[in-house]
Amino acid sequence: MDTTQLRRFVAVAEQLHFPRAAASLGVPLAALYSSIEKLELEVGHPLVTRGGETRLTKAGILLLAEARERIASAPPPPAKPSGPSGGKAKASKGKGRAPVVKGQPKPYKKRQGR
C-alpha cells in the first residue's frame, strides 16, 4: 500500500466528505476518487460507502487504524525543490514555408474542381 493512498484515505475517513478531503489535501477530486478505488482494489473490499452519506465500512474502520500507524512510521515525503524552473523557451530554427512561385499552386494544396 502506498503512503500517498493511505494519507488520502485517512483524509476521507476524517472528513467523511470527498470534496472537502480533496480541498484539504490540495488534490483534484478525480485523483482522490481514483486513489481510493485503487486502494479498495488492493484490499479487496469496499472501504467507503458512496451515495447519500459517505461512511466507512467495517473494512474501512479496520484499515483506518493500520493506515494511521503506517503513516506515522513512514519517513516524511521528500521536500519539493523551491528553485526556479527551466530557462526561457527558444523559438525553432525551421525555415517555415517555401516562397510562393507565381503561377504554381501552393505545395500540398489540392486544386478545387468544378
PDB file of N, CA and C in Angstrom:
ATOM      1  N   MET A   1       0.844  -1.187   0.000  1.00  0.00           N
ATOM      2  CA  MET A   1       0.000   0.000   0.000  1.00  0.00           C
ATOM      3  C   MET A   1       0.883   1.243   0.000  1.00  0.00           C
ATOM      4  N   ASP A   2       0.533   2.148  -0.832  1.00  0.00           N
ATOM      5  CA  ASP A   2       1.271   3.394  -0.988  1.00  0.00           C
ATOM      6  C   ASP A   2       0.872   4.366   0.124  1.00  0.00           C
ATOM      7  N   THR A   3       1.849   5.076   0.682  1.00  0.00           N
ATOM      8  CA  THR A   3       1.538   6.016   1.764  1.00  0.00           C
ATOM      9  C   THR A   3       0.685   7.184   1.263  1.00  0.00           C
ATOM     10  N   THR A   4       0.840   7.538  -0.007  1.00  0.00           N
ATOM     11  CA  THR A   4       0.008   8.616  -0.549  1.00  0.00           C
ATOM     12  C   THR A   4      -1.454   8.196  -0.548  1.00  0.00           C
ATOM     13  N   GLN A   5      -1.720   6.970  -0.972  1.00  0.00           N
ATOM     14  CA  GLN A   5      -3.093   6.465  -0.960  1.00  0.00           C
ATOM     15  C   GLN A   5      -3.628   6.380   0.461  1.00  0.00           C
ATOM     16  N   LEU A   6      -2.768   5.959   1.392  1.00  0.00           N
ATOM     17  CA  LEU A   6      -3.210   5.857   2.785  1.00  0.00           C
ATOM     18  C   LEU A   6      -3.516   7.235   3.365  1.00  0.00           C
ATOM     19  N   ARG A   7      -2.685   8.237   3.030  1.00  0.00           N
ATOM     20  CA  ARG A   7      -2.961   9.602   3.515  1.00  0.00           C
ATOM     21  C   ARG A   7      -4.280  10.115   2.971  1.00  0.00           C
ATOM     22  N   ARG A   8      -4.543   9.833   1.705  1.00  0.00           N
ATOM     23  CA  ARG A   8      -5.805  10.268   1.105  1.00  0.00           C
ATOM     24  C   ARG A   8      -6.992   9.549   1.738  1.00  0.00           C
ATOM     25  N   PHE A   9      -6.815   8.260   2.035  1.00  0.00           N
ATOM     26  CA  PHE A   9      -7.888   7.511   2.685  1.00  0.00           C
ATOM     27  C   PHE A   9      -8.168   8.053   4.086  1.00  0.00           C
ATOM     28  N   VAL A  10      -7.119   8.369   4.834  1.00  0.00           N
ATOM     29  CA  VAL A  10      -7.299   8.914   6.185  1.00  0.00           C
ATOM     30  C   VAL A  10      -8.010  10.262   6.117  1.00  0.00           C
ATOM     31  N   ALA A  11      -7.678  11.090   5.119  1.00  0.00           N
ATOM     32  CA  ALA A  11      -8.347  12.384   4.980  1.00  0.00           C
ATOM     33  C   ALA A  11      -9.828  12.197   4.691  1.00  0.00           C
ATOM     34  N   VAL A  12     -10.167  11.244   3.828  1.00  0.00           N
ATOM     35  CA  VAL A  12     -11.581  10.972   3.530  1.00  0.00           C
ATOM     36  C   VAL A  12     -12.276  10.422   4.767  1.00  0.00           C
ATOM     37  N   ALA A  13     -11.600   9.552   5.517  1.00  0.00           N
ATOM     38  CA  ALA A  13     -12.199   8.957   6.709  1.00  0.00           C
ATOM     39  C   ALA A  13     -12.443  10.014   7.785  1.00  0.00           C
ATOM     40  N   GLU A  14     -11.552  11.002   7.900  1.00  0.00           N
ATOM     41  CA  GLU A  14     -11.735  12.041   8.915  1.00  0.00           C
ATOM     42  C   GLU A  14     -12.807  13.044   8.499  1.00  0.00           C
ATOM     43  N   GLN A  15     -12.830  13.407   7.216  1.00  0.00           N
ATOM     44  CA  GLN A  15     -13.791  14.405   6.746  1.00  0.00           C
ATOM     45  C   GLN A  15     -15.166  13.798   6.457  1.00  0.00           C
ATOM     46  N   LEU A  16     -15.162  12.523   5.990  1.00  0.00           N
ATOM     47  CA  LEU A  16     -16.379  11.849   5.524  1.00  0.00           C
ATOM     48  C   LEU A  16     -17.084  12.674   4.431  1.00  0.00           C
ATOM     49  N   HIS A  17     -16.257  13.320   3.607  1.00  0.00           N
ATOM     50  CA  HIS A  17     -16.764  14.152   2.515  1.00  0.00           C
ATOM     51  C   HIS A  17     -15.636  14.264   1.488  1.00  0.00           C
ATOM     52  N   PHE A  18     -15.863  13.732   0.294  1.00  0.00           N
ATOM     53  CA  PHE A  18     -14.796  13.694  -0.710  1.00  0.00           C
ATOM     54  C   PHE A  18     -14.329  15.078  -1.154  1.00  0.00           C
ATOM     55  N   PRO A  19     -15.227  16.019  -1.492  1.00  0.00           N
ATOM     56  CA  PRO A  19     -14.737  17.336  -1.930  1.00  0.00           C
ATOM     57  C   PRO A  19     -13.946  18.088  -0.860  1.00  0.00           C
ATOM     58  N   ARG A  20     -14.374  18.006   0.392  1.00  0.00           N
ATOM     59  CA  ARG A  20     -13.624  18.684   1.464  1.00  0.00           C
ATOM     60  C   ARG A  20     -12.265  18.029   1.671  1.00  0.00           C
ATOM     61  N   ALA A  21     -12.222  16.693   1.582  1.00  0.00           N
ATOM     62  CA  ALA A  21     -10.943  15.990   1.734  1.00  0.00           C
ATOM     63  C   ALA A  21      -9.998  16.349   0.599  1.00  0.00           C
ATOM     64  N   ALA A  22     -10.526  16.455  -0.617  1.00  0.00           N
ATOM     65  CA  ALA A  22      -9.679  16.831  -1.755  1.00  0.00           C
ATOM     66  C   ALA A  22      -9.153  18.246  -1.587  1.00  0.00           C
ATOM     67  N   ALA A  23      -9.995  19.148  -1.076  1.00  0.00           N
ATOM     68  CA  ALA A  23      -9.550  20.529  -0.868  1.00  0.00           C
ATOM     69  C   ALA A  23      -8.491  20.603   0.232  1.00  0.00           C
ATOM     70  N   SER A  24      -8.654  19.821   1.292  1.00  0.00           N
ATOM     71  CA  SER A  24      -7.677  19.869   2.384  1.00  0.00           C
ATOM     72  C   SER A  24      -6.332  19.268   1.959  1.00  0.00           C
ATOM     73  N   LEU A  25      -6.372  18.283   1.050  1.00  0.00           N
ATOM     74  CA  LEU A  25      -5.136  17.680   0.566  1.00  0.00           C
ATOM     75  C   LEU A  25      -4.507  18.475  -0.571  1.00  0.00           C
ATOM     76  N   GLY A  26      -5.322  19.293  -1.220  1.00  0.00           N
ATOM     77  CA  GLY A  26      -4.816  20.061  -2.354  1.00  0.00           C
ATOM     78  C   GLY A  26      -4.669  19.227  -3.612  1.00  0.00           C
ATOM     79  N   VAL A  27      -5.542  18.242  -3.786  1.00  0.00           N
ATOM     80  CA  VAL A  27      -5.510  17.389  -4.982  1.00  0.00           C
ATOM     81  C   VAL A  27      -6.858  17.491  -5.683  1.00  0.00           C
ATOM     82  N   PRO A  28      -6.896  17.188  -6.990  1.00  0.00           N
ATOM     83  CA  PRO A  28      -8.177  17.183  -7.688  1.00  0.00           C
ATOM     84  C   PRO A  28      -9.091  16.080  -7.162  1.00  0.00           C
ATOM     85  N   LEU A  29     -10.370  16.315  -7.262  1.00  0.00           N
ATOM     86  CA  LEU A  29     -11.350  15.352  -6.755  1.00  0.00           C
ATOM     87  C   LEU A  29     -11.248  14.021  -7.489  1.00  0.00           C
ATOM     88  N   ALA A  30     -11.014  14.067  -8.795  1.00  0.00           N
ATOM     89  CA  ALA A  30     -10.903  12.831  -9.577  1.00  0.00           C
ATOM     90  C   ALA A  30      -9.710  11.998  -9.119  1.00  0.00           C
ATOM     91  N   ALA A  31      -8.610  12.652  -8.777  1.00  0.00           N
ATOM     92  CA  ALA A  31      -7.433  11.923  -8.296  1.00  0.00           C
ATOM     93  C   ALA A  31      -7.720  11.251  -6.956  1.00  0.00           C
ATOM     94  N   LEU A  32      -8.496  11.925  -6.123  1.00  0.00           N
ATOM     95  CA  LEU A  32      -8.851  11.344  -4.825  1.00  0.00           C
ATOM     96  C   LEU A  32      -9.734  10.114  -5.015  1.00  0.00           C
ATOM     97  N   TYR A  33     -10.740  10.218  -5.890  1.00  0.00           N
ATOM     98  CA  TYR A  33     -11.605   9.082  -6.166  1.00  0.00           C
ATOM     99  C   TYR A  33     -10.798   7.895  -6.703  1.00  0.00           C
ATOM    100  N   SER A  34      -9.908   8.164  -7.644  1.00  0.00           N
ATOM    101  CA  SER A  34      -9.159   7.058  -8.252  1.00  0.00           C
ATOM    102  C   SER A  34      -8.205   6.413  -7.249  1.00  0.00           C
ATOM    103  N   SER A  35      -7.595   7.196  -6.370  1.00  0.00           N
ATOM    104  CA  SER A  35      -6.687   6.585  -5.392  1.00  0.00           C
ATOM    105  C   SER A  35      -7.451   5.742  -4.372  1.00  0.00           C
ATOM    106  N   ILE A  36      -8.649   6.171  -3.991  1.00  0.00           N
ATOM    107  CA  ILE A  36      -9.463   5.358  -3.072  1.00  0.00           C
ATOM    108  C   ILE A  36      -9.910   4.073  -3.767  1.00  0.00           C
ATOM    109  N   GLU A  37     -10.268   4.167  -5.051  1.00  0.00           N
ATOM    110  CA  GLU A  37     -10.669   2.964  -5.790  1.00  0.00           C
ATOM    111  C   GLU A  37      -9.502   1.988  -5.930  1.00  0.00           C
ATOM    112  N   LYS A  38      -8.292   2.502  -6.179  1.00  0.00           N
ATOM    113  CA  LYS A  38      -7.117   1.635  -6.266  1.00  0.00           C
ATOM    114  C   LYS A  38      -6.845   0.945  -4.936  1.00  0.00           C
ATOM    115  N   LEU A  39      -7.019   1.683  -3.851  1.00  0.00           N
ATOM    116  CA  LEU A  39      -6.816   1.106  -2.525  1.00  0.00           C
ATOM    117  C   LEU A  39      -7.860   0.036  -2.248  1.00  0.00           C
ATOM    118  N   GLU A  40      -9.100   0.277  -2.658  1.00  0.00           N
ATOM    119  CA  GLU A  40     -10.157  -0.721  -2.476  1.00  0.00           C
ATOM    120  C   GLU A  40      -9.870  -1.983  -3.287  1.00  0.00           C
ATOM    121  N   LEU A  41      -9.343  -1.815  -4.494  1.00  0.00           N
ATOM    122  CA  LEU A  41      -8.990  -2.984  -5.296  1.00  0.00           C
ATOM    123  C   LEU A  41      -7.841  -3.764  -4.659  1.00  0.00           C
ATOM    124  N   GLU A  42      -6.901  -3.052  -4.071  1.00  0.00           N
ATOM    125  CA  GLU A  42      -5.762  -3.708  -3.435  1.00  0.00           C
ATOM    126  C   GLU A  42      -6.199  -4.470  -2.184  1.00  0.00           C
ATOM    127  N   VAL A  43      -7.101  -3.874  -1.420  1.00  0.00           N
ATOM    128  CA  VAL A  43      -7.587  -4.518  -0.200  1.00  0.00           C
ATOM    129  C   VAL A  43      -8.556  -5.647  -0.545  1.00  0.00           C
ATOM    130  N   GLY A  44      -9.379  -5.423  -1.574  1.00  0.00           N
ATOM    131  CA  GLY A  44     -10.345  -6.438  -1.966  1.00  0.00           C
ATOM    132  C   GLY A  44     -11.728  -6.223  -1.394  1.00  0.00           C
ATOM    133  N   HIS A  45     -11.930  -5.153  -0.668  1.00  0.00           N
ATOM    134  CA  HIS A  45     -13.226  -4.838  -0.071  1.00  0.00           C
ATOM    135  C   HIS A  45     -13.501  -3.350  -0.244  1.00  0.00           C
ATOM    136  N   PRO A  46     -14.769  -2.976  -0.337  1.00  0.00           N
ATOM    137  CA  PRO A  46     -15.067  -1.527  -0.349  1.00  0.00           C
ATOM    138  C   PRO A  46     -14.756  -0.922   1.014  1.00  0.00           C
ATOM    139  N   LEU A  47     -14.131   0.249   1.001  1.00  0.00           N
ATOM    140  CA  LEU A  47     -13.730   0.899   2.245  1.00  0.00           C
ATOM    141  C   LEU A  47     -14.691   2.013   2.638  1.00  0.00           C
ATOM    142  N   VAL A  48     -15.323   2.621   1.639  1.00  0.00           N
ATOM    143  CA  VAL A  48     -16.203   3.767   1.879  1.00  0.00           C
ATOM    144  C   VAL A  48     -17.497   3.527   1.126  1.00  0.00           C
ATOM    145  N   THR A  49     -18.623   3.802   1.794  1.00  0.00           N
ATOM    146  CA  THR A  49     -19.904   3.727   1.094  1.00  0.00           C
ATOM    147  C   THR A  49     -20.172   5.076   0.460  1.00  0.00           C
ATOM    148  N   ARG A  50     -20.466   5.048  -0.825  1.00  0.00           N
ATOM    149  CA  ARG A  50     -20.777   6.280  -1.541  1.00  0.00           C
ATOM    150  C   ARG A  50     -22.265   6.300  -1.800  1.00  0.00           C
ATOM    151  N   GLY A  51     -22.786   7.458  -1.895  1.00  0.00           N
ATOM    152  CA  GLY A  51     -24.214   7.582  -2.131  1.00  0.00           C
ATOM    153  C   GLY A  51     -24.720   8.808  -1.406  1.00  0.00           C
ATOM    154  N   GLY A  52     -25.795   8.649  -0.665  1.00  0.00           N
ATOM    155  CA  GLY A  52     -26.354   9.783   0.070  1.00  0.00           C
ATOM    156  C   GLY A  52     -25.401  10.295   1.139  1.00  0.00           C
ATOM    157  N   GLU A  53     -24.865   9.389   1.919  1.00  0.00           N
ATOM    158  CA  GLU A  53     -23.957   9.770   3.003  1.00  0.00           C
ATOM    159  C   GLU A  53     -22.676   8.956   2.871  1.00  0.00           C
ATOM    160  N   THR A  54     -21.543   9.585   3.065  1.00  0.00           N
ATOM    161  CA  THR A  54     -20.263   8.886   2.997  1.00  0.00           C
ATOM    162  C   THR A  54     -19.956   8.311   4.376  1.00  0.00           C
ATOM    163  N   ARG A  55     -19.778   6.992   4.410  1.00  0.00           N
ATOM    164  CA  ARG A  55     -19.464   6.317   5.673  1.00  0.00           C
ATOM    165  C   ARG A  55     -18.385   5.282   5.432  1.00  0.00           C
ATOM    166  N   LEU A  56     -17.687   4.936   6.484  1.00  0.00           N
ATOM    167  CA  LEU A  56     -16.685   3.873   6.400  1.00  0.00           C
ATOM    168  C   LEU A  56     -17.368   2.521   6.579  1.00  0.00           C
ATOM    169  N   THR A  57     -16.914   1.556   5.817  1.00  0.00           N
ATOM    170  CA  THR A  57     -17.402   0.195   6.006  1.00  0.00           C
ATOM    171  C   THR A  57     -16.588  -0.453   7.129  1.00  0.00           C
ATOM    172  N   LYS A  58     -16.915  -1.698   7.448  1.00  0.00           N
ATOM    173  CA  LYS A  58     -16.158  -2.399   8.501  1.00  0.00           C
ATOM    174  C   LYS A  58     -14.697  -2.550   8.097  1.00  0.00           C
ATOM    175  N   ALA A  59     -14.460  -2.869   6.822  1.00  0.00           N
ATOM    176  CA  ALA A  59     -13.084  -2.987   6.346  1.00  0.00           C
ATOM    177  C   ALA A  59     -12.378  -1.634   6.400  1.00  0.00           C
ATOM    178  N   GLY A  60     -13.117  -0.560   6.141  1.00  0.00           N
ATOM    179  CA  GLY A  60     -12.543   0.775   6.204  1.00  0.00           C
ATOM    180  C   GLY A  60     -12.147   1.172   7.613  1.00  0.00           C
ATOM    181  N   ILE A  61     -12.961   0.789   8.597  1.00  0.00           N
ATOM    182  CA  ILE A  61     -12.650   1.092  10.001  1.00  0.00           C
ATOM    183  C   ILE A  61     -11.394   0.339  10.432  1.00  0.00           C
ATOM    184  N   LEU A  62     -11.281  -0.934  10.006  1.00  0.00           N
ATOM    185  CA  LEU A  62     -10.096  -1.718  10.355  1.00  0.00           C
ATOM    186  C   LEU A  62      -8.848  -1.154   9.678  1.00  0.00           C
ATOM    187  N   LEU A  63      -8.989  -0.720   8.424  1.00  0.00           N
ATOM    188  CA  LEU A  63      -7.839  -0.191   7.702  1.00  0.00           C
ATOM    189  C   LEU A  63      -7.411   1.173   8.227  1.00  0.00           C
ATOM    190  N   LEU A  64      -8.344   1.934   8.788  1.00  0.00           N
ATOM    191  CA  LEU A  64      -8.030   3.279   9.267  1.00  0.00           C
ATOM    192  C   LEU A  64      -6.960   3.250  10.355  1.00  0.00           C
ATOM    193  N   ALA A  65      -7.093   2.351  11.311  1.00  0.00           N
ATOM    194  CA  ALA A  65      -6.094   2.260  12.384  1.00  0.00           C
ATOM    195  C   ALA A  65      -4.735   1.840  11.835  1.00  0.00           C
ATOM    196  N   GLU A  66      -4.742   0.864  10.934  1.00  0.00           N
ATOM    197  CA  GLU A  66      -3.481   0.410  10.340  1.00  0.00           C
ATOM    198  C   GLU A  66      -2.862   1.503   9.468  1.00  0.00           C
ATOM    199  N   ALA A  67      -3.683   2.252   8.768  1.00  0.00           N
ATOM    200  CA  ALA A  67      -3.181   3.320   7.903  1.00  0.00           C
ATOM    201  C   ALA A  67      -2.517   4.410   8.728  1.00  0.00           C
ATOM    202  N   ARG A  68      -3.121   4.774   9.844  1.00  0.00           N
ATOM    203  CA  ARG A  68      -2.522   5.801  10.711  1.00  0.00           C
ATOM    204  C   ARG A  68      -1.172   5.339  11.252  1.00  0.00           C
ATOM    205  N   GLU A  69      -1.070   4.044  11.617  1.00  0.00           N
ATOM    206  CA  GLU A  69       0.204   3.515  12.106  1.00  0.00           C
ATOM    207  C   GLU A  69       1.273   3.544  11.021  1.00  0.00           C
ATOM    208  N   ARG A  70       0.899   3.144   9.809  1.00  0.00           N
ATOM    209  CA  ARG A  70       1.872   3.129   8.708  1.00  0.00           C
ATOM    210  C   ARG A  70       2.315   4.528   8.330  1.00  0.00           C
ATOM    211  N   ILE A  71       1.398   5.481   8.364  1.00  0.00           N
ATOM    212  CA  ILE A  71       1.757   6.867   8.036  1.00  0.00           C
ATOM    213  C   ILE A  71       2.703   7.421   9.092  1.00  0.00           C
ATOM    214  N   ALA A  72       2.438   7.103  10.366  1.00  0.00           N
ATOM    215  CA  ALA A  72       3.292   7.606  11.444  1.00  0.00           C
ATOM    216  C   ALA A  72       4.697   7.000  11.365  1.00  0.00           C
ATOM    217  N   SER A  73       4.802   5.735  10.952  1.00  0.00           N
ATOM    218  CA  SER A  73       6.113   5.087  10.902  1.00  0.00           C
ATOM    219  C   SER A  73       6.852   5.354   9.595  1.00  0.00           C
ATOM    220  N   ALA A  74       6.168   5.864   8.584  1.00  0.00           N
ATOM    221  CA  ALA A  74       6.806   6.115   7.282  1.00  0.00           C
ATOM    222  C   ALA A  74       7.670   7.373   7.355  1.00  0.00           C
ATOM    223  N   PRO A  75       8.741   7.411   6.575  1.00  0.00           N
ATOM    224  CA  PRO A  75       9.557   8.627   6.546  1.00  0.00           C
ATOM    225  C   PRO A  75       8.780   9.760   5.877  1.00  0.00           C
ATOM    226  N   PRO A  76       9.094  11.002   6.229  1.00  0.00           N
ATOM    227  CA  PRO A  76       8.361  12.113   5.627  1.00  0.00           C
ATOM    228  C   PRO A  76       8.645  12.197   4.132  1.00  0.00           C
ATOM    229  N   PRO A  77       7.686  12.704   3.355  1.00  0.00           N
ATOM    230  CA  PRO A  77       7.907  12.801   1.911  1.00  0.00           C
ATOM    231  C   PRO A  77       9.020  13.792   1.609  1.00  0.00           C
ATOM    232  N   PRO A  78       9.765  13.569   0.525  1.00  0.00           N
ATOM    233  CA  PRO A  78      10.864  14.490   0.198  1.00  0.00           C
ATOM    234  C   PRO A  78      10.325  15.874  -0.145  1.00  0.00           C
ATOM    235  N   ALA A  79      11.097  16.896   0.266  1.00  0.00           N
ATOM    236  CA  ALA A  79      10.670  18.271   0.005  1.00  0.00           C
ATOM    237  C   ALA A  79      10.820  18.586  -1.472  1.00  0.00           C
ATOM    238  N   LYS A  80       9.891  19.343  -1.997  1.00  0.00           N
ATOM    239  CA  LYS A  80       9.946  19.730  -3.399  1.00  0.00           C
ATOM    240  C   LYS A  80      10.955  20.861  -3.559  1.00  0.00           C
ATOM    241  N   PRO A  81      11.717  20.850  -4.647  1.00  0.00           N
ATOM    242  CA  PRO A  81      12.686  21.931  -4.841  1.00  0.00           C
ATOM    243  C   PRO A  81      11.971  23.260  -5.056  1.00  0.00           C
ATOM    244  N   SER A  82      12.479  24.292  -4.403  1.00  0.00           N
ATOM    245  CA  SER A  82      11.817  25.591  -4.486  1.00  0.00           C
ATOM    246  C   SER A  82      12.532  26.539  -5.437  1.00  0.00           C
ATOM    247  N   GLY A  83      13.577  26.065  -6.094  1.00  0.00           N
ATOM    248  CA  GLY A  83      14.329  26.907  -7.014  1.00  0.00           C
ATOM    249  C   GLY A  83      13.535  27.205  -8.273  1.00  0.00           C
ATOM    250  N   PRO A  84      14.037  28.131  -9.063  1.00  0.00           N
ATOM    251  CA  PRO A  84      13.323  28.474 -10.293  1.00  0.00           C
ATOM    252  C   PRO A  84      13.366  27.325 -11.284  1.00  0.00           C
ATOM    253  N   SER A  85      12.336  27.239 -12.084  1.00  0.00           N
ATOM    254  CA  SER A  85      12.273  26.172 -13.068  1.00  0.00           C
ATOM    255  C   SER A  85      13.147  26.526 -14.270  1.00  0.00           C
ATOM    256  N   GLY A  86      13.033  25.782 -15.337  1.00  0.00           N
ATOM    257  CA  GLY A  86      13.894  25.907 -16.509  1.00  0.00           C
ATOM    258  C   GLY A  86      13.959  27.308 -17.088  1.00  0.00           C
ATOM    259  N   GLY A  87      14.819  27.448 -18.059  1.00  0.00           N
ATOM    260  CA  GLY A  87      15.049  28.752 -18.673  1.00  0.00           C
ATOM    261  C   GLY A  87      13.979  29.141 -19.669  1.00  0.00           C
ATOM    262  N   LYS A  88      14.289  30.154 -20.446  1.00  0.00           N
ATOM    263  CA  LYS A  88      13.351  30.710 -21.402  1.00  0.00           C
ATOM    264  C   LYS A  88      13.237  29.770 -22.609  1.00  0.00           C
ATOM    265  N   ALA A  89      12.032  29.625 -23.115  1.00  0.00           N
ATOM    266  CA  ALA A  89      11.821  28.778 -24.275  1.00  0.00           C
ATOM    267  C   ALA A  89      12.403  29.454 -25.513  1.00  0.00           C
ATOM    268  N   LYS A  90      12.984  28.652 -26.393  1.00  0.00           N
ATOM    269  CA  LYS A  90      13.591  29.200 -27.602  1.00  0.00           C
ATOM    270  C   LYS A  90      12.745  28.847 -28.803  1.00  0.00           C
ATOM    271  N   ALA A  91      12.717  29.746 -29.747  1.00  0.00           N
ATOM    272  CA  ALA A  91      11.962  29.511 -30.970  1.00  0.00           C
ATOM    273  C   ALA A  91      12.686  28.491 -31.832  1.00  0.00           C
ATOM    274  N   SER A  92      11.930  27.764 -32.624  1.00  0.00           N
ATOM    275  CA  SER A  92      12.557  26.787 -33.510  1.00  0.00           C
ATOM    276  C   SER A  92      13.283  27.520 -34.641  1.00  0.00           C
ATOM    277  N   LYS A  93      14.250  26.862 -35.207  1.00  0.00           N
ATOM    278  CA  LYS A  93      15.029  27.489 -36.262  1.00  0.00           C
ATOM    279  C   LYS A  93      14.665  26.914 -37.623  1.00  0.00           C
ATOM    280  N   GLY A  94      13.416  26.495 -37.767  1.00  0.00           N
ATOM    281  CA  GLY A  94      12.957  25.972 -39.048  1.00  0.00           C
ATOM    282  C   GLY A  94      12.842  27.077 -40.075  1.00  0.00           C
ATOM    283  N   LYS A  95      12.794  26.702 -41.328  1.00  0.00           N
ATOM    284  CA  LYS A  95      12.746  27.700 -42.391  1.00  0.00           C
ATOM    285  C   LYS A  95      11.327  28.114 -42.722  1.00  0.00           C
ATOM    286  N   GLY A  96      10.343  27.457 -42.173  1.00  0.00           N
ATOM    287  CA  GLY A  96       8.963  27.827 -42.451  1.00  0.00           C
ATOM    288  C   GLY A  96       8.544  27.361 -43.836  1.00  0.00           C
ATOM    289  N   ARG A  97       7.603  28.063 -44.442  1.00  0.00           N
ATOM    290  CA  ARG A  97       7.104  27.682 -45.754  1.00  0.00           C
ATOM    291  C   ARG A  97       8.042  28.167 -46.839  1.00  0.00           C
ATOM    292  N   ALA A  98       8.063  27.430 -47.899  1.00  0.00           N
ATOM    293  CA  ALA A  98       8.880  27.824 -49.052  1.00  0.00           C
ATOM    294  C   ALA A  98       8.218  29.028 -49.728  1.00  0.00           C
ATOM    295  N   PRO A  99       8.996  29.880 -50.377  1.00  0.00           N
ATOM    296  CA  PRO A  99       8.398  31.035 -51.047  1.00  0.00           C
ATOM    297  C   PRO A  99       7.473  30.601 -52.182  1.00  0.00           C
ATOM    298  N   VAL A 100       6.414  31.337 -52.388  1.00  0.00           N
ATOM    299  CA  VAL A 100       5.426  31.000 -53.401  1.00  0.00           C
ATOM    300  C   VAL A 100       5.939  31.494 -54.750  1.00  0.00           C
ATOM    301  N   VAL A 101       5.922  30.594 -55.717  1.00  0.00           N
ATOM    302  CA  VAL A 101       6.315  30.948 -57.073  1.00  0.00           C
ATOM    303  C   VAL A 101       5.054  31.306 -57.841  1.00  0.00           C
ATOM    304  N   LYS A 102       5.097  32.427 -58.547  1.00  0.00           N
ATOM    305  CA  LYS A 102       3.917  32.908 -59.240  1.00  0.00           C
ATOM    306  C   LYS A 102       3.474  31.914 -60.312  1.00  0.00           C
ATOM    307  N   GLY A 103       2.194  31.616 -60.323  1.00  0.00           N
ATOM    308  CA  GLY A 103       1.634  30.753 -61.337  1.00  0.00           C
ATOM    309  C   GLY A 103       1.598  29.289 -60.952  1.00  0.00           C
ATOM    310  N   GLN A 104       2.242  28.881 -59.878  1.00  0.00           N
ATOM    311  CA  GLN A 104       2.219  27.486 -59.452  1.00  0.00           C
ATOM    312  C   GLN A 104       1.320  27.334 -58.224  1.00  0.00           C
ATOM    313  N   PRO A 105       0.633  26.208 -58.115  1.00  0.00           N
ATOM    314  CA  PRO A 105      -0.214  26.016 -56.933  1.00  0.00           C
ATOM    315  C   PRO A 105       0.649  25.859 -55.680  1.00  0.00           C
ATOM    316  N   LYS A 106       0.048  26.164 -54.550  1.00  0.00           N
ATOM    317  CA  LYS A 106       0.765  26.025 -53.281  1.00  0.00           C
ATOM    318  C   LYS A 106       1.054  24.553 -53.032  1.00  0.00           C
ATOM    319  N   PRO A 107       2.196  24.249 -52.460  1.00  0.00           N
ATOM    320  CA  PRO A 107       2.513  22.833 -52.229  1.00  0.00           C
ATOM    321  C   PRO A 107       1.544  22.209 -51.232  1.00  0.00           C
ATOM    322  N   TYR A 108       1.218  20.946 -51.475  1.00  0.00           N
ATOM    323  CA  TYR A 108       0.326  20.154 -50.624  1.00  0.00           C
ATOM    324  C   TYR A 108      -1.083  20.731 -50.564  1.00  0.00           C
ATOM    325  N   LYS A 109      -1.445  21.483 -51.560  1.00  0.00           N
ATOM    326  CA  LYS A 109      -2.785  22.056 -51.586  1.00  0.00           C
ATOM    327  C   LYS A 109      -3.490  21.503 -52.809  1.00  0.00           C
ATOM    328  N   LYS A 110      -4.649  20.885 -52.632  1.00  0.00           N
ATOM    329  CA  LYS A 110      -5.399  20.359 -53.770  1.00  0.00           C
ATOM    330  C   LYS A 110      -6.130  21.489 -54.469  1.00  0.00           C
ATOM    331  N   ARG A 111      -6.210  21.384 -55.788  1.00  0.00           N
ATOM    332  CA  ARG A 111      -6.941  22.386 -56.548  1.00  0.00           C
ATOM    333  C   ARG A 111      -8.425  22.055 -56.481  1.00  0.00           C
ATOM    334  N   GLN A 112      -9.212  23.075 -56.441  1.00  0.00           N
ATOM    335  CA  GLN A 112     -10.645  22.889 -56.352  1.00  0.00           C
ATOM    336  C   GLN A 112     -11.198  22.549 -57.723  1.00  0.00           C
ATOM    337  N   GLY A 113     -11.945  21.471 -57.808  1.00  0.00           N
ATOM    338  CA  GLY A 113     -12.577  21.093 -59.070  1.00  0.00           C
ATOM    339  C   GLY A 113     -13.893  21.811 -59.254  1.00  0.00           C
ATOM    340  N   ARG A 114     -14.395  21.733 -60.465  1.00  0.00           N
ATOM    341  CA  ARG A 114     -15.666  22.424 -60.752  1.00  0.00           C
ATOM    342  C   ARG A 114     -16.832  21.547 -60.589  1.00  0.00           C
TER     343      ARG A 114
END
